[in-house]
């Protein structure tokens, strides 16, 4: 029997968080946050997706991941689930860093919320009800993308707060909505 990729991710979050805290106590400077310039510490493209700023941050991400992940993991393989989560989280973090670098002082990014937003977006667009509604609407692919942009924007604004990586959330949702519509996580037949 295979392991749950959702529970594996939660365990990785906890292990990385404990490593972050241990290294901080030992005053060993190992960066986990993704920040510009990205080529200075390229490993943070990955580590930032699994690292968290606080216990509350970790618990909040773990709860949403459990709610969405346990359902979605039954529709795909473990490898596809992990790759989608990591790729979406990394792209969301990179987008957040690049946009924040353009509009103001560079800000570091930590957390799984970009990848989790991708899973939420996938769940919203990759289900039978969404398929039925979107298949019956005479919308071109561009118009569907415009709808996804509006939905991702609305969800991002509704769930935003101080210190939240809004661009990463928006990017993750948009990637997830598009991937859900394409049923990217479905195993190949």
N, C-alpha and C. Protein backbone atom coordinates (compact mmCIF):
# COMPACT_ATOMS: atom_id res chain seq x y z
N UNK A 1 0.85 -1.18 0.00
CA UNK A 1 0.00 0.00 0.00
C UNK A 1 0.89 1.25 0.00
N UNK A 2 0.56 2.22 -0.85
CA UNK A 2 1.38 3.43 -0.94
C UNK A 2 1.01 4.41 0.17
N UNK A 3 1.95 5.28 0.47
CA UNK A 3 1.74 6.29 1.51
C UNK A 3 0.96 7.46 0.94
N UNK A 4 0.30 8.17 1.82
CA UNK A 4 -0.44 9.36 1.43
C UNK A 4 0.53 10.50 1.14
N UNK A 5 0.49 11.09 -0.07
CA UNK A 5 1.38 12.22 -0.35
C UNK A 5 1.03 13.44 0.51
N UNK A 6 -0.22 13.57 0.89
CA UNK A 6 -0.62 14.68 1.75
C UNK A 6 0.01 14.56 3.12
N UNK A 7 -0.09 13.38 3.72
CA UNK A 7 0.50 13.18 5.04
C UNK A 7 2.02 13.25 4.98
N UNK A 8 2.60 12.79 3.86
CA UNK A 8 4.04 12.90 3.68
C UNK A 8 4.45 14.38 3.65
N UNK A 9 3.70 15.20 2.94
CA UNK A 9 4.01 16.64 2.89
C UNK A 9 3.93 17.28 4.27
N UNK A 10 2.90 16.95 5.03
CA UNK A 10 2.78 17.51 6.38
C UNK A 10 3.99 17.10 7.22
N UNK A 11 4.41 15.85 7.10
CA UNK A 11 5.60 15.39 7.84
C UNK A 11 6.84 16.16 7.39
N UNK A 12 6.99 16.39 6.10
CA UNK A 12 8.13 17.15 5.59
C UNK A 12 8.09 18.58 6.13
N UNK A 13 6.90 19.20 6.17
CA UNK A 13 6.76 20.55 6.74
C UNK A 13 7.30 20.58 8.17
N UNK A 14 6.91 19.59 8.96
CA UNK A 14 7.31 19.54 10.37
C UNK A 14 8.82 19.34 10.49
N UNK A 15 9.38 18.41 9.72
CA UNK A 15 10.82 18.15 9.77
C UNK A 15 11.60 19.40 9.35
N UNK A 16 11.19 20.05 8.28
CA UNK A 16 11.89 21.26 7.82
C UNK A 16 11.77 22.37 8.87
N UNK A 17 10.59 22.51 9.47
CA UNK A 17 10.40 23.53 10.50
C UNK A 17 11.32 23.27 11.70
N UNK A 18 11.41 22.02 12.13
CA UNK A 18 12.31 21.68 13.24
C UNK A 18 13.77 21.92 12.87
N UNK A 19 14.13 21.64 11.62
CA UNK A 19 15.48 21.92 11.15
C UNK A 19 15.74 23.43 11.15
N UNK A 20 14.77 24.20 10.68
CA UNK A 20 14.90 25.67 10.70
C UNK A 20 15.17 26.16 12.12
N UNK A 21 14.37 25.68 13.07
CA UNK A 21 14.50 26.14 14.47
C UNK A 21 15.82 25.69 15.09
N UNK A 22 16.22 24.45 14.80
CA UNK A 22 17.48 23.94 15.34
C UNK A 22 18.66 24.75 14.81
N UNK A 23 18.69 24.98 13.51
CA UNK A 23 19.78 25.75 12.92
C UNK A 23 19.79 27.19 13.45
N UNK A 24 18.62 27.76 13.68
CA UNK A 24 18.55 29.12 14.23
C UNK A 24 19.11 29.14 15.66
N UNK A 25 18.77 28.14 16.46
CA UNK A 25 19.30 28.06 17.84
C UNK A 25 20.82 27.90 17.85
N UNK A 26 21.32 27.13 16.91
CA UNK A 26 22.77 26.91 16.81
C UNK A 26 23.48 28.04 16.07
N UNK A 27 22.71 29.03 15.66
CA UNK A 27 23.21 30.19 14.92
C UNK A 27 23.97 29.78 13.65
N UNK A 28 23.40 28.79 12.95
CA UNK A 28 23.95 28.35 11.68
C UNK A 28 23.09 28.97 10.58
N UNK A 29 23.67 29.89 9.81
CA UNK A 29 22.88 30.60 8.80
C UNK A 29 22.65 29.77 7.53
N UNK A 30 21.57 29.07 7.47
CA UNK A 30 21.19 28.35 6.26
C UNK A 30 19.86 28.93 5.81
N UNK A 31 19.87 29.52 4.64
CA UNK A 31 18.68 30.22 4.15
C UNK A 31 17.61 29.23 3.68
N UNK A 32 16.38 29.52 4.06
CA UNK A 32 15.22 28.77 3.60
C UNK A 32 14.31 29.65 2.76
N UNK A 33 14.33 30.95 2.98
CA UNK A 33 13.44 31.88 2.28
C UNK A 33 13.95 32.14 0.86
N UNK A 34 13.01 32.17 -0.07
CA UNK A 34 13.31 32.51 -1.46
C UNK A 34 13.33 34.03 -1.57
N UNK A 35 14.42 34.57 -2.09
CA UNK A 35 14.55 36.02 -2.22
C UNK A 35 15.39 36.35 -3.45
N UNK A 36 15.26 37.58 -3.90
CA UNK A 36 16.06 38.05 -5.03
C UNK A 36 17.44 38.46 -4.51
N UNK A 37 18.47 38.25 -5.23
CA UNK A 37 18.54 37.53 -6.51
C UNK A 37 18.49 36.01 -6.27
N UNK A 38 17.67 35.36 -7.05
CA UNK A 38 17.41 33.93 -6.86
C UNK A 38 18.67 33.10 -7.09
N UNK A 39 19.53 33.53 -7.99
CA UNK A 39 20.73 32.73 -8.27
C UNK A 39 21.76 32.78 -7.14
N UNK A 40 21.57 33.64 -6.16
CA UNK A 40 22.47 33.70 -5.01
C UNK A 40 22.33 32.45 -4.13
N UNK A 41 21.10 32.01 -3.89
CA UNK A 41 20.82 30.78 -3.12
C UNK A 41 19.74 29.99 -3.86
N UNK A 42 20.09 29.35 -4.97
CA UNK A 42 19.08 28.71 -5.82
C UNK A 42 18.30 27.58 -5.16
N UNK A 43 18.86 26.94 -4.15
CA UNK A 43 18.15 25.85 -3.47
C UNK A 43 16.88 26.34 -2.78
N UNK A 44 16.80 27.65 -2.52
CA UNK A 44 15.61 28.17 -1.83
C UNK A 44 14.36 28.12 -2.70
N UNK A 45 14.52 27.90 -4.00
CA UNK A 45 13.35 27.70 -4.87
C UNK A 45 12.57 26.49 -4.35
N UNK A 46 13.28 25.48 -3.83
CA UNK A 46 12.65 24.28 -3.28
C UNK A 46 12.41 24.42 -1.78
N UNK A 47 13.44 24.80 -1.02
CA UNK A 47 13.30 24.81 0.44
C UNK A 47 12.21 25.76 0.92
N UNK A 48 12.02 26.87 0.20
CA UNK A 48 11.01 27.84 0.62
C UNK A 48 9.60 27.27 0.58
N UNK A 49 9.37 26.31 -0.30
CA UNK A 49 8.03 25.71 -0.44
C UNK A 49 7.67 24.88 0.80
N UNK A 50 8.68 24.31 1.45
CA UNK A 50 8.45 23.43 2.60
C UNK A 50 8.70 24.10 3.94
N UNK A 51 9.29 25.29 3.95
CA UNK A 51 9.62 26.00 5.18
C UNK A 51 8.48 26.92 5.61
N UNK A 52 8.43 27.24 6.89
CA UNK A 52 7.37 28.10 7.43
C UNK A 52 7.95 29.08 8.45
N UNK A 53 7.30 30.24 8.55
CA UNK A 53 7.80 31.31 9.42
C UNK A 53 7.47 31.11 10.89
N UNK A 54 6.40 30.38 11.19
CA UNK A 54 5.97 30.20 12.58
C UNK A 54 5.13 28.93 12.69
N UNK A 55 4.85 28.56 13.93
CA UNK A 55 3.98 27.39 14.16
C UNK A 55 2.59 27.65 13.58
N UNK A 56 2.07 28.85 13.77
CA UNK A 56 0.75 29.19 13.23
C UNK A 56 0.72 29.10 11.71
N UNK A 57 1.77 29.56 11.07
CA UNK A 57 1.88 29.49 9.62
C UNK A 57 1.87 28.02 9.17
N UNK A 58 2.65 27.20 9.84
CA UNK A 58 2.73 25.78 9.53
C UNK A 58 1.37 25.10 9.73
N UNK A 59 0.74 25.35 10.86
CA UNK A 59 -0.55 24.71 11.16
C UNK A 59 -1.62 25.15 10.16
N UNK A 60 -1.66 26.44 9.85
CA UNK A 60 -2.64 26.94 8.88
C UNK A 60 -2.49 26.26 7.53
N UNK A 61 -1.26 26.18 7.04
CA UNK A 61 -1.02 25.52 5.75
C UNK A 61 -1.33 24.03 5.83
N UNK A 62 -0.97 23.39 6.94
CA UNK A 62 -1.23 21.95 7.08
C UNK A 62 -2.72 21.65 7.08
N UNK A 63 -3.51 22.47 7.73
CA UNK A 63 -4.96 22.24 7.79
C UNK A 63 -5.59 22.32 6.40
N UNK A 64 -5.25 23.37 5.65
CA UNK A 64 -5.82 23.51 4.30
C UNK A 64 -5.31 22.38 3.40
N UNK A 65 -4.03 22.04 3.52
CA UNK A 65 -3.48 20.93 2.74
C UNK A 65 -4.23 19.63 3.03
N UNK A 66 -4.49 19.36 4.30
CA UNK A 66 -5.22 18.14 4.66
C UNK A 66 -6.63 18.13 4.06
N UNK A 67 -7.31 19.27 4.13
CA UNK A 67 -8.68 19.35 3.60
C UNK A 67 -8.74 19.09 2.10
N UNK A 68 -7.79 19.65 1.36
CA UNK A 68 -7.80 19.54 -0.09
C UNK A 68 -7.01 18.32 -0.57
N UNK A 69 -5.84 18.13 0.01
CA UNK A 69 -4.94 17.08 -0.45
C UNK A 69 -5.46 15.68 -0.29
N UNK A 70 -6.09 15.39 0.85
CA UNK A 70 -6.58 14.03 1.07
C UNK A 70 -7.63 13.64 0.03
N UNK A 71 -8.38 14.62 -0.47
CA UNK A 71 -9.35 14.34 -1.52
C UNK A 71 -8.65 14.17 -2.88
N UNK A 72 -7.79 15.13 -3.23
CA UNK A 72 -7.16 15.11 -4.55
C UNK A 72 -6.19 13.94 -4.74
N UNK A 73 -5.53 13.51 -3.68
CA UNK A 73 -4.54 12.45 -3.83
C UNK A 73 -5.16 11.15 -4.33
N UNK A 74 -6.46 10.98 -4.13
CA UNK A 74 -7.14 9.76 -4.59
C UNK A 74 -7.36 9.77 -6.10
N UNK A 75 -7.15 10.93 -6.73
CA UNK A 75 -7.39 11.06 -8.16
C UNK A 75 -6.12 11.02 -9.00
N UNK A 76 -4.97 10.83 -8.35
CA UNK A 76 -3.71 10.90 -9.08
C UNK A 76 -2.67 9.99 -8.44
N UNK A 77 -1.50 9.97 -9.02
CA UNK A 77 -0.41 9.18 -8.44
C UNK A 77 0.36 10.05 -7.43
N UNK A 78 1.12 9.39 -6.57
CA UNK A 78 1.94 10.11 -5.59
C UNK A 78 2.94 11.03 -6.28
N UNK A 79 3.56 10.52 -7.35
CA UNK A 79 4.58 11.31 -8.05
C UNK A 79 3.95 12.56 -8.68
N UNK A 80 2.82 12.40 -9.36
CA UNK A 80 2.15 13.56 -9.96
C UNK A 80 1.75 14.57 -8.89
N UNK A 81 1.22 14.09 -7.78
CA UNK A 81 0.80 14.98 -6.69
C UNK A 81 1.98 15.80 -6.19
N UNK A 82 3.09 15.13 -5.86
CA UNK A 82 4.26 15.83 -5.33
C UNK A 82 4.86 16.79 -6.36
N UNK A 83 4.97 16.35 -7.61
CA UNK A 83 5.54 17.22 -8.64
C UNK A 83 4.66 18.45 -8.88
N UNK A 84 3.35 18.25 -8.92
CA UNK A 84 2.44 19.39 -9.11
C UNK A 84 2.56 20.36 -7.95
N UNK A 85 2.56 19.84 -6.72
CA UNK A 85 2.67 20.69 -5.54
C UNK A 85 3.97 21.48 -5.56
N UNK A 86 5.09 20.82 -5.79
CA UNK A 86 6.39 21.49 -5.78
C UNK A 86 6.51 22.50 -6.92
N UNK A 87 6.12 22.10 -8.13
CA UNK A 87 6.23 23.01 -9.28
C UNK A 87 5.36 24.24 -9.08
N UNK A 88 4.13 24.04 -8.62
CA UNK A 88 3.23 25.17 -8.40
C UNK A 88 3.74 26.06 -7.28
N UNK A 89 4.21 25.45 -6.19
CA UNK A 89 4.77 26.23 -5.08
C UNK A 89 5.98 27.03 -5.49
N UNK A 90 6.89 26.39 -6.25
CA UNK A 90 8.10 27.09 -6.70
C UNK A 90 7.77 28.22 -7.67
N UNK A 91 6.91 27.97 -8.64
CA UNK A 91 6.52 29.03 -9.59
C UNK A 91 5.81 30.17 -8.88
N UNK A 92 4.98 29.85 -7.91
CA UNK A 92 4.27 30.89 -7.16
C UNK A 92 5.24 31.73 -6.35
N UNK A 93 6.19 31.08 -5.70
CA UNK A 93 7.20 31.80 -4.92
C UNK A 93 8.08 32.68 -5.80
N UNK A 94 8.52 32.14 -6.94
CA UNK A 94 9.33 32.92 -7.87
C UNK A 94 8.57 34.14 -8.37
N UNK A 95 7.31 33.96 -8.72
CA UNK A 95 6.50 35.08 -9.19
C UNK A 95 6.37 36.14 -8.11
N UNK A 96 6.13 35.71 -6.86
CA UNK A 96 6.03 36.65 -5.74
C UNK A 96 7.32 37.46 -5.59
N UNK A 97 8.45 36.78 -5.64
CA UNK A 97 9.75 37.45 -5.48
C UNK A 97 10.00 38.42 -6.63
N UNK A 98 9.75 37.99 -7.85
CA UNK A 98 10.02 38.85 -9.00
C UNK A 98 9.11 40.08 -9.01
N UNK A 99 7.83 39.88 -8.72
CA UNK A 99 6.91 41.02 -8.71
C UNK A 99 7.25 41.98 -7.57
N UNK A 100 7.52 41.45 -6.39
CA UNK A 100 7.85 42.33 -5.26
C UNK A 100 9.15 43.08 -5.51
N UNK A 101 10.08 42.46 -6.22
CA UNK A 101 11.35 43.12 -6.55
C UNK A 101 11.11 44.27 -7.54
N UNK A 102 10.11 44.12 -8.41
CA UNK A 102 9.80 45.17 -9.38
C UNK A 102 9.11 46.38 -8.75
N UNK A 103 8.27 46.14 -7.75
CA UNK A 103 7.44 47.22 -7.21
C UNK A 103 7.94 47.80 -5.88
N UNK A 104 8.95 47.22 -5.31
CA UNK A 104 9.43 47.74 -4.04
C UNK A 104 10.65 46.99 -3.56
N UNK A 105 10.93 47.11 -2.29
CA UNK A 105 12.08 46.38 -1.77
C UNK A 105 11.84 44.87 -1.85
N UNK A 106 12.91 44.14 -2.18
CA UNK A 106 12.83 42.68 -2.30
C UNK A 106 12.39 42.07 -0.98
N UNK A 107 11.47 41.14 -1.06
CA UNK A 107 10.93 40.46 0.11
C UNK A 107 11.16 38.96 -0.04
N UNK A 108 11.58 38.30 1.04
CA UNK A 108 11.74 36.86 1.03
C UNK A 108 10.39 36.18 1.20
N UNK A 109 10.29 34.99 0.66
CA UNK A 109 9.02 34.26 0.70
C UNK A 109 9.26 32.87 1.29
N UNK A 110 8.34 32.46 2.16
CA UNK A 110 8.38 31.14 2.82
C UNK A 110 6.98 30.56 2.83
N UNK A 111 6.88 29.26 2.72
CA UNK A 111 5.60 28.62 2.95
C UNK A 111 5.05 27.85 1.77
N UNK A 112 4.12 26.99 2.08
CA UNK A 112 3.53 26.08 1.11
C UNK A 112 2.26 26.62 0.47
N UNK A 113 1.88 27.84 0.79
CA UNK A 113 0.57 28.31 0.36
C UNK A 113 0.43 28.46 -1.15
N UNK A 114 1.50 28.73 -1.89
CA UNK A 114 1.39 28.77 -3.35
C UNK A 114 1.05 27.40 -3.91
N UNK A 115 1.72 26.36 -3.41
CA UNK A 115 1.41 25.00 -3.84
C UNK A 115 0.03 24.56 -3.39
N UNK A 116 -0.34 24.95 -2.19
CA UNK A 116 -1.67 24.60 -1.67
C UNK A 116 -2.75 25.34 -2.46
N UNK A 117 -2.50 26.60 -2.78
CA UNK A 117 -3.46 27.35 -3.61
C UNK A 117 -3.63 26.67 -4.96
N UNK A 118 -2.54 26.10 -5.48
CA UNK A 118 -2.64 25.34 -6.72
C UNK A 118 -3.55 24.13 -6.58
N UNK A 119 -3.43 23.43 -5.46
CA UNK A 119 -4.31 22.28 -5.22
C UNK A 119 -5.77 22.72 -5.07
N UNK A 120 -5.99 23.84 -4.40
CA UNK A 120 -7.36 24.38 -4.24
C UNK A 120 -7.93 24.74 -5.61
N UNK A 121 -7.13 25.45 -6.42
CA UNK A 121 -7.58 25.80 -7.77
C UNK A 121 -7.89 24.57 -8.60
N UNK A 122 -7.05 23.56 -8.48
CA UNK A 122 -7.28 22.31 -9.21
C UNK A 122 -8.62 21.70 -8.79
N UNK A 123 -8.86 21.67 -7.49
CA UNK A 123 -10.11 21.11 -6.99
C UNK A 123 -11.32 21.90 -7.51
N UNK A 124 -11.20 23.22 -7.56
CA UNK A 124 -12.31 24.05 -8.05
C UNK A 124 -12.62 23.81 -9.52
N UNK A 125 -11.59 23.64 -10.35
CA UNK A 125 -11.81 23.55 -11.80
C UNK A 125 -11.77 22.13 -12.34
N UNK A 126 -11.26 21.18 -11.57
CA UNK A 126 -11.07 19.83 -12.10
C UNK A 126 -12.08 18.82 -11.62
N UNK A 127 -13.30 19.25 -11.34
CA UNK A 127 -14.32 18.31 -10.86
C UNK A 127 -15.46 18.21 -11.87
N UNK A 128 -16.32 17.24 -11.68
CA UNK A 128 -17.41 16.99 -12.64
C UNK A 128 -18.35 18.18 -12.79
N UNK A 129 -18.68 18.82 -11.69
CA UNK A 129 -19.61 19.95 -11.76
C UNK A 129 -18.99 21.09 -12.59
N UNK A 130 -17.73 21.41 -12.33
CA UNK A 130 -17.05 22.46 -13.11
C UNK A 130 -16.95 22.06 -14.57
N UNK A 131 -16.64 20.79 -14.83
CA UNK A 131 -16.58 20.33 -16.21
C UNK A 131 -17.92 20.54 -16.91
N UNK A 132 -18.99 20.17 -16.24
CA UNK A 132 -20.32 20.31 -16.83
C UNK A 132 -20.64 21.77 -17.12
N UNK A 133 -20.39 22.63 -16.16
CA UNK A 133 -20.69 24.06 -16.34
C UNK A 133 -19.82 24.66 -17.44
N UNK A 134 -18.52 24.41 -17.38
CA UNK A 134 -17.62 25.02 -18.37
C UNK A 134 -17.81 24.43 -19.76
N UNK A 135 -18.16 23.15 -19.87
CA UNK A 135 -18.39 22.54 -21.17
C UNK A 135 -19.65 23.08 -21.83
N UNK A 136 -20.63 23.49 -21.03
CA UNK A 136 -21.89 24.00 -21.58
C UNK A 136 -21.85 25.50 -21.86
N UNK A 137 -20.85 26.15 -21.36
CA UNK A 137 -20.71 27.59 -21.62
C UNK A 137 -19.92 27.80 -22.90
N UNK A 138 -20.44 28.60 -23.80
CA UNK A 138 -19.73 28.81 -25.06
C UNK A 138 -18.58 29.82 -24.90
N UNK A 139 -17.57 29.43 -24.13
CA UNK A 139 -16.43 30.31 -23.88
C UNK A 139 -15.19 29.78 -24.59
N UNK A 140 -14.49 30.67 -25.23
CA UNK A 140 -13.22 30.29 -25.85
C UNK A 140 -12.21 30.02 -24.74
N UNK A 141 -11.11 29.36 -25.07
CA UNK A 141 -10.06 29.15 -24.05
C UNK A 141 -9.58 30.47 -23.43
N UNK A 142 -9.49 31.53 -24.22
CA UNK A 142 -9.10 32.84 -23.67
C UNK A 142 -10.11 33.37 -22.69
N UNK A 143 -11.38 33.21 -23.02
CA UNK A 143 -12.44 33.68 -22.11
C UNK A 143 -12.43 32.86 -20.82
N UNK A 144 -12.20 31.55 -20.93
CA UNK A 144 -12.10 30.73 -19.72
C UNK A 144 -10.92 31.17 -18.86
N UNK A 145 -9.79 31.49 -19.50
CA UNK A 145 -8.64 31.99 -18.75
C UNK A 145 -8.99 33.30 -18.06
N UNK A 146 -9.72 34.17 -18.73
CA UNK A 146 -10.15 35.44 -18.12
C UNK A 146 -11.02 35.18 -16.90
N UNK A 147 -11.92 34.21 -16.99
CA UNK A 147 -12.75 33.83 -15.84
C UNK A 147 -11.87 33.33 -14.71
N UNK A 148 -10.88 32.51 -15.03
CA UNK A 148 -9.96 31.98 -14.01
C UNK A 148 -9.18 33.11 -13.34
N UNK A 149 -8.75 34.11 -14.12
CA UNK A 149 -8.03 35.25 -13.55
C UNK A 149 -8.92 36.00 -12.57
N UNK A 150 -10.18 36.21 -12.94
CA UNK A 150 -11.12 36.90 -12.04
C UNK A 150 -11.37 36.08 -10.78
N UNK A 151 -11.58 34.78 -10.93
CA UNK A 151 -11.81 33.91 -9.76
C UNK A 151 -10.58 33.90 -8.86
N UNK A 152 -9.39 33.72 -9.44
CA UNK A 152 -8.16 33.71 -8.65
C UNK A 152 -7.97 35.05 -7.93
N UNK A 153 -8.26 36.14 -8.61
CA UNK A 153 -8.15 37.45 -7.98
C UNK A 153 -9.11 37.62 -6.83
N UNK A 154 -10.36 37.20 -7.04
CA UNK A 154 -11.37 37.33 -5.98
C UNK A 154 -11.02 36.48 -4.76
N UNK A 155 -10.60 35.25 -4.98
CA UNK A 155 -10.24 34.37 -3.86
C UNK A 155 -9.01 34.91 -3.14
N UNK A 156 -8.05 35.43 -3.90
CA UNK A 156 -6.84 35.99 -3.30
C UNK A 156 -7.17 37.18 -2.41
N UNK A 157 -7.98 38.08 -2.90
CA UNK A 157 -8.35 39.27 -2.12
C UNK A 157 -9.16 38.86 -0.89
N UNK A 158 -10.07 37.90 -1.05
CA UNK A 158 -10.91 37.47 0.07
C UNK A 158 -10.12 36.78 1.17
N UNK A 159 -9.03 36.12 0.81
CA UNK A 159 -8.25 35.38 1.81
C UNK A 159 -6.98 36.11 2.22
N UNK A 160 -6.75 37.29 1.68
CA UNK A 160 -5.53 38.03 1.96
C UNK A 160 -5.53 38.66 3.35
N UNK A 161 -4.36 38.99 3.81
CA UNK A 161 -4.17 39.64 5.10
C UNK A 161 -2.76 40.19 5.18
N UNK A 162 -2.44 40.83 6.29
CA UNK A 162 -1.10 41.38 6.44
C UNK A 162 -0.03 40.28 6.39
N UNK A 163 1.02 40.55 5.63
CA UNK A 163 2.12 39.60 5.53
C UNK A 163 1.87 38.41 4.63
N UNK A 164 0.74 38.39 3.95
CA UNK A 164 0.40 37.26 3.08
C UNK A 164 0.96 37.52 1.69
N UNK A 165 1.54 36.49 1.10
CA UNK A 165 2.11 36.59 -0.24
C UNK A 165 0.99 36.52 -1.28
N UNK A 166 0.34 37.64 -1.51
CA UNK A 166 -0.84 37.67 -2.38
C UNK A 166 -0.52 37.24 -3.81
N UNK A 167 0.61 37.66 -4.33
CA UNK A 167 0.98 37.29 -5.70
C UNK A 167 1.19 35.78 -5.79
N UNK A 168 1.80 35.18 -4.78
CA UNK A 168 2.00 33.73 -4.77
C UNK A 168 0.66 32.99 -4.70
N UNK A 169 -0.24 33.48 -3.88
CA UNK A 169 -1.57 32.85 -3.79
C UNK A 169 -2.30 32.94 -5.13
N UNK A 170 -2.28 34.14 -5.72
CA UNK A 170 -2.94 34.34 -7.01
C UNK A 170 -2.34 33.42 -8.07
N UNK A 171 -1.01 33.37 -8.13
CA UNK A 171 -0.32 32.54 -9.12
C UNK A 171 -0.66 31.07 -8.92
N UNK A 172 -0.60 30.59 -7.68
CA UNK A 172 -0.93 29.20 -7.40
C UNK A 172 -2.36 28.86 -7.80
N UNK A 173 -3.29 29.74 -7.44
CA UNK A 173 -4.70 29.50 -7.82
C UNK A 173 -4.87 29.46 -9.33
N UNK A 174 -4.24 30.40 -10.02
CA UNK A 174 -4.38 30.45 -11.48
C UNK A 174 -3.78 29.20 -12.13
N UNK A 175 -2.62 28.77 -11.67
CA UNK A 175 -2.03 27.53 -12.18
C UNK A 175 -2.96 26.35 -11.88
N UNK A 176 -3.47 26.28 -10.66
CA UNK A 176 -4.36 25.18 -10.28
C UNK A 176 -5.65 25.15 -11.07
N UNK A 177 -6.26 26.32 -11.28
CA UNK A 177 -7.49 26.38 -12.06
C UNK A 177 -7.25 25.90 -13.49
N UNK A 178 -6.16 26.35 -14.09
CA UNK A 178 -5.83 25.93 -15.46
C UNK A 178 -5.50 24.44 -15.52
N UNK A 179 -4.73 23.96 -14.56
CA UNK A 179 -4.38 22.53 -14.53
C UNK A 179 -5.60 21.67 -14.27
N UNK A 180 -6.51 22.15 -13.42
CA UNK A 180 -7.74 21.41 -13.14
C UNK A 180 -8.61 21.28 -14.36
N UNK A 181 -8.71 22.37 -15.12
CA UNK A 181 -9.50 22.34 -16.34
C UNK A 181 -8.92 21.36 -17.35
N UNK A 182 -7.59 21.24 -17.37
CA UNK A 182 -6.90 20.32 -18.27
C UNK A 182 -6.77 18.92 -17.68
N UNK A 183 -7.23 18.74 -16.43
CA UNK A 183 -7.14 17.45 -15.73
C UNK A 183 -5.70 16.91 -15.73
N UNK A 184 -4.77 17.80 -15.43
CA UNK A 184 -3.36 17.48 -15.45
C UNK A 184 -2.97 16.36 -14.49
N UNK A 185 -3.66 16.24 -13.37
CA UNK A 185 -3.31 15.22 -12.38
C UNK A 185 -3.91 13.84 -12.67
N UNK A 186 -4.81 13.76 -13.62
CA UNK A 186 -5.36 12.45 -13.94
C UNK A 186 -4.26 11.55 -14.46
N UNK A 187 -4.24 10.30 -13.99
CA UNK A 187 -3.23 9.38 -14.52
C UNK A 187 -3.48 9.13 -16.01
N UNK A 188 -2.40 8.95 -16.76
CA UNK A 188 -2.57 8.70 -18.18
C UNK A 188 -3.20 7.33 -18.37
N UNK A 189 -3.96 7.23 -19.43
CA UNK A 189 -4.70 5.98 -19.65
C UNK A 189 -3.94 5.06 -20.56
